[in-house]
């Protein structure tokens, strides 16, 4: 269970350390401008990838489930 959350926690910790060091190395205005540039450069390609991937999966859901050998499973909640 702990291993599954490492992929989420480590980038958050590394990002917090990076932002903290950015604010310690430069003035707050310069640090905010740098963060704005980072978001402007990295966010649009990520959003484009997510939208394209969602559309790909939506269109090919049946073919993907056959190739991945997915089975329906009944679950009960107590």
N, C-alpha and C. Protein backbone atom coordinates (compact mmCIF):
# COMPACT_ATOMS: atom_id res chain seq x y z
N UNK A 1 0.82 -1.19 0.00
CA UNK A 1 0.00 0.00 0.00
C UNK A 1 0.87 1.25 0.00
N UNK A 2 1.96 1.23 0.73
CA UNK A 2 2.83 2.41 0.80
C UNK A 2 3.51 2.66 -0.54
N UNK A 3 3.82 1.60 -1.26
CA UNK A 3 4.49 1.76 -2.55
C UNK A 3 3.63 2.45 -3.59
N UNK A 4 2.32 2.30 -3.49
CA UNK A 4 1.45 2.91 -4.48
C UNK A 4 1.37 4.43 -4.33
N UNK A 5 1.60 4.92 -3.15
CA UNK A 5 1.53 6.37 -2.94
C UNK A 5 2.87 7.07 -3.12
N UNK A 6 3.94 6.32 -3.26
CA UNK A 6 5.27 6.92 -3.43
C UNK A 6 5.32 7.73 -4.72
N UNK A 7 4.70 7.24 -5.78
CA UNK A 7 4.69 7.95 -7.05
C UNK A 7 3.95 9.27 -6.98
N UNK A 8 3.10 9.44 -6.00
CA UNK A 8 2.38 10.70 -5.81
C UNK A 8 3.11 11.61 -4.83
N UNK A 9 3.64 11.04 -3.79
CA UNK A 9 4.24 11.83 -2.73
C UNK A 9 5.60 12.40 -3.12
N UNK A 10 6.45 11.61 -3.76
CA UNK A 10 7.79 12.08 -4.09
C UNK A 10 7.80 13.29 -5.02
N UNK A 11 7.01 13.33 -6.10
CA UNK A 11 6.99 14.56 -6.91
C UNK A 11 6.49 15.78 -6.14
N UNK A 12 5.54 15.58 -5.24
CA UNK A 12 5.06 16.70 -4.43
C UNK A 12 6.15 17.23 -3.51
N UNK A 13 6.90 16.33 -2.90
CA UNK A 13 7.99 16.75 -2.02
C UNK A 13 9.08 17.44 -2.83
N UNK A 14 9.45 16.85 -3.96
CA UNK A 14 10.49 17.47 -4.80
C UNK A 14 10.03 18.82 -5.32
N UNK A 15 8.77 18.95 -5.70
CA UNK A 15 8.26 20.22 -6.17
C UNK A 15 8.24 21.28 -5.08
N UNK A 16 7.87 20.87 -3.88
CA UNK A 16 7.87 21.82 -2.75
C UNK A 16 9.29 22.29 -2.44
N UNK A 17 10.25 21.38 -2.49
CA UNK A 17 11.65 21.75 -2.25
C UNK A 17 12.14 22.69 -3.34
N UNK A 18 11.77 22.41 -4.59
CA UNK A 18 12.18 23.26 -5.70
C UNK A 18 11.59 24.66 -5.61
N UNK A 19 10.32 24.75 -5.29
CA UNK A 19 9.67 26.07 -5.15
C UNK A 19 10.26 26.82 -3.97
N UNK A 20 10.51 26.11 -2.88
CA UNK A 20 11.11 26.75 -1.71
C UNK A 20 12.49 27.30 -2.03
N UNK A 21 13.31 26.52 -2.72
CA UNK A 21 14.66 27.00 -3.06
C UNK A 21 14.58 28.14 -4.07
N UNK A 22 13.59 28.13 -4.93
CA UNK A 22 13.42 29.23 -5.88
C UNK A 22 13.12 30.54 -5.15
N UNK A 23 12.28 30.48 -4.12
CA UNK A 23 11.96 31.68 -3.36
C UNK A 23 13.15 32.12 -2.48
N UNK A 24 13.98 31.17 -2.04
CA UNK A 24 15.14 31.54 -1.22
C UNK A 24 16.25 32.16 -2.07
N UNK A 25 16.38 31.74 -3.33
CA UNK A 25 17.46 32.23 -4.19
C UNK A 25 17.17 33.59 -4.81
N UNK A 26 15.91 33.96 -4.97
CA UNK A 26 15.59 35.20 -5.66
C UNK A 26 14.47 35.94 -4.93
N UNK A 27 14.17 37.11 -5.43
CA UNK A 27 13.10 37.91 -4.80
C UNK A 27 11.75 37.24 -5.08
N UNK A 28 10.77 37.51 -4.25
CA UNK A 28 9.45 36.89 -4.44
C UNK A 28 8.83 37.20 -5.81
N UNK A 29 9.03 38.41 -6.31
CA UNK A 29 8.47 38.76 -7.62
C UNK A 29 9.13 37.93 -8.72
N UNK A 30 10.47 37.83 -8.66
CA UNK A 30 11.18 37.03 -9.67
C UNK A 30 10.80 35.55 -9.58
N UNK A 31 10.63 35.06 -8.35
CA UNK A 31 10.25 33.66 -8.17
C UNK A 31 8.86 33.40 -8.73
N UNK A 32 7.92 34.32 -8.50
CA UNK A 32 6.57 34.14 -9.05
C UNK A 32 6.57 34.21 -10.58
N UNK A 33 7.39 35.09 -11.14
CA UNK A 33 7.49 35.17 -12.60
C UNK A 33 8.07 33.87 -13.15
N UNK A 34 9.10 33.33 -12.49
CA UNK A 34 9.68 32.05 -12.92
C UNK A 34 8.65 30.92 -12.84
N UNK A 35 7.88 30.89 -11.75
CA UNK A 35 6.84 29.86 -11.63
C UNK A 35 5.77 30.01 -12.70
N UNK A 36 5.43 31.24 -13.03
CA UNK A 36 4.46 31.48 -14.09
C UNK A 36 4.97 30.95 -15.42
N UNK A 37 6.25 31.19 -15.71
CA UNK A 37 6.84 30.67 -16.95
C UNK A 37 6.83 29.14 -16.97
N UNK A 38 7.15 28.53 -15.84
CA UNK A 38 7.15 27.06 -15.77
C UNK A 38 5.76 26.52 -16.07
N UNK A 39 4.74 27.12 -15.47
CA UNK A 39 3.36 26.67 -15.69
C UNK A 39 2.96 26.89 -17.15
N UNK A 40 3.32 28.03 -17.71
CA UNK A 40 2.96 28.32 -19.11
C UNK A 40 3.63 27.34 -20.08
N UNK A 41 4.83 26.88 -19.76
CA UNK A 41 5.54 25.98 -20.65
C UNK A 41 5.06 24.54 -20.49
N UNK A 42 4.85 24.09 -19.26
CA UNK A 42 4.56 22.68 -19.01
C UNK A 42 3.08 22.32 -19.04
N UNK A 43 2.19 23.21 -18.65
CA UNK A 43 0.79 22.86 -18.50
C UNK A 43 0.08 22.59 -19.83
N UNK A 44 0.21 23.44 -20.87
CA UNK A 44 -0.53 23.17 -22.11
C UNK A 44 -0.21 21.82 -22.77
N UNK A 45 1.07 21.39 -22.87
CA UNK A 45 1.29 20.06 -23.45
C UNK A 45 0.68 18.94 -22.61
N UNK A 46 0.68 19.09 -21.30
CA UNK A 46 0.09 18.08 -20.44
C UNK A 46 -1.41 17.98 -20.67
N UNK A 47 -2.08 19.12 -20.74
CA UNK A 47 -3.52 19.13 -20.97
C UNK A 47 -3.84 18.54 -22.34
N UNK A 48 -3.06 18.90 -23.35
CA UNK A 48 -3.27 18.36 -24.69
C UNK A 48 -3.12 16.83 -24.68
N UNK A 49 -2.10 16.32 -23.98
CA UNK A 49 -1.91 14.88 -23.90
C UNK A 49 -3.09 14.21 -23.20
N UNK A 50 -3.56 14.79 -22.11
CA UNK A 50 -4.68 14.20 -21.36
C UNK A 50 -5.94 14.16 -22.21
N UNK A 51 -6.21 15.24 -22.93
CA UNK A 51 -7.42 15.29 -23.76
C UNK A 51 -7.31 14.28 -24.91
N UNK A 52 -6.16 14.23 -25.57
CA UNK A 52 -5.98 13.27 -26.67
C UNK A 52 -6.06 11.82 -26.17
N UNK A 53 -5.47 11.53 -25.02
CA UNK A 53 -5.51 10.18 -24.48
C UNK A 53 -6.93 9.79 -24.10
N UNK A 54 -7.68 10.71 -23.49
CA UNK A 54 -9.07 10.41 -23.13
C UNK A 54 -9.90 10.13 -24.37
N UNK A 55 -9.70 10.89 -25.42
CA UNK A 55 -10.45 10.68 -26.66
C UNK A 55 -10.07 9.34 -27.30
N UNK A 56 -8.77 9.01 -27.27
CA UNK A 56 -8.30 7.72 -27.80
C UNK A 56 -8.94 6.56 -27.06
N UNK A 57 -8.95 6.63 -25.74
CA UNK A 57 -9.52 5.54 -24.94
C UNK A 57 -11.03 5.47 -25.14
N UNK A 58 -11.69 6.62 -25.22
CA UNK A 58 -13.15 6.62 -25.41
C UNK A 58 -13.55 5.97 -26.72
N UNK A 59 -12.81 6.27 -27.78
CA UNK A 59 -13.15 5.71 -29.09
C UNK A 59 -12.82 4.23 -29.21
N UNK A 60 -11.82 3.78 -28.52
CA UNK A 60 -11.36 2.40 -28.68
C UNK A 60 -11.55 1.56 -27.43
N UNK A 61 -12.53 1.88 -26.62
CA UNK A 61 -12.74 1.18 -25.35
C UNK A 61 -13.00 -0.31 -25.56
N UNK A 62 -13.84 -0.66 -26.51
CA UNK A 62 -14.17 -2.08 -26.73
C UNK A 62 -12.96 -2.85 -27.22
N UNK A 63 -12.24 -2.30 -28.18
CA UNK A 63 -11.06 -2.99 -28.71
C UNK A 63 -9.97 -3.12 -27.64
N UNK A 64 -9.80 -2.09 -26.83
CA UNK A 64 -8.79 -2.15 -25.78
C UNK A 64 -9.15 -3.18 -24.73
N UNK A 65 -10.45 -3.28 -24.36
CA UNK A 65 -10.82 -4.27 -23.35
C UNK A 65 -10.62 -5.69 -23.85
N UNK A 66 -10.81 -5.93 -25.15
CA UNK A 66 -10.55 -7.28 -25.69
C UNK A 66 -9.06 -7.58 -25.68
N UNK A 67 -8.24 -6.60 -26.08
CA UNK A 67 -6.79 -6.83 -26.12
C UNK A 67 -6.20 -7.00 -24.72
N UNK A 68 -6.72 -6.27 -23.76
CA UNK A 68 -6.18 -6.33 -22.41
C UNK A 68 -6.82 -7.44 -21.57
N UNK A 69 -7.75 -8.18 -22.16
CA UNK A 69 -8.42 -9.30 -21.51
C UNK A 69 -9.07 -8.88 -20.19
N UNK A 70 -9.80 -7.80 -20.24
CA UNK A 70 -10.51 -7.33 -19.06
C UNK A 70 -11.81 -8.09 -18.90
N UNK A 71 -12.12 -8.43 -17.68
CA UNK A 71 -13.36 -9.14 -17.40
C UNK A 71 -14.21 -8.28 -16.48
N UNK A 72 -15.51 -8.46 -16.60
CA UNK A 72 -16.42 -7.77 -15.67
C UNK A 72 -16.37 -8.54 -14.35
N UNK A 73 -16.35 -7.80 -13.28
CA UNK A 73 -16.29 -8.42 -11.98
C UNK A 73 -17.38 -7.82 -11.10
N UNK A 74 -18.12 -8.71 -10.45
CA UNK A 74 -19.18 -8.23 -9.57
C UNK A 74 -18.61 -8.01 -8.19
N UNK A 75 -18.89 -6.85 -7.64
CA UNK A 75 -18.41 -6.55 -6.30
C UNK A 75 -19.60 -6.26 -5.40
N UNK A 76 -19.46 -6.60 -4.16
CA UNK A 76 -20.51 -6.35 -3.17
C UNK A 76 -19.92 -5.47 -2.08
N UNK A 77 -20.71 -4.49 -1.67
CA UNK A 77 -20.31 -3.62 -0.59
C UNK A 77 -21.14 -3.99 0.63
N UNK A 78 -20.49 -4.25 1.71
CA UNK A 78 -21.19 -4.68 2.92
C UNK A 78 -21.70 -3.53 3.67
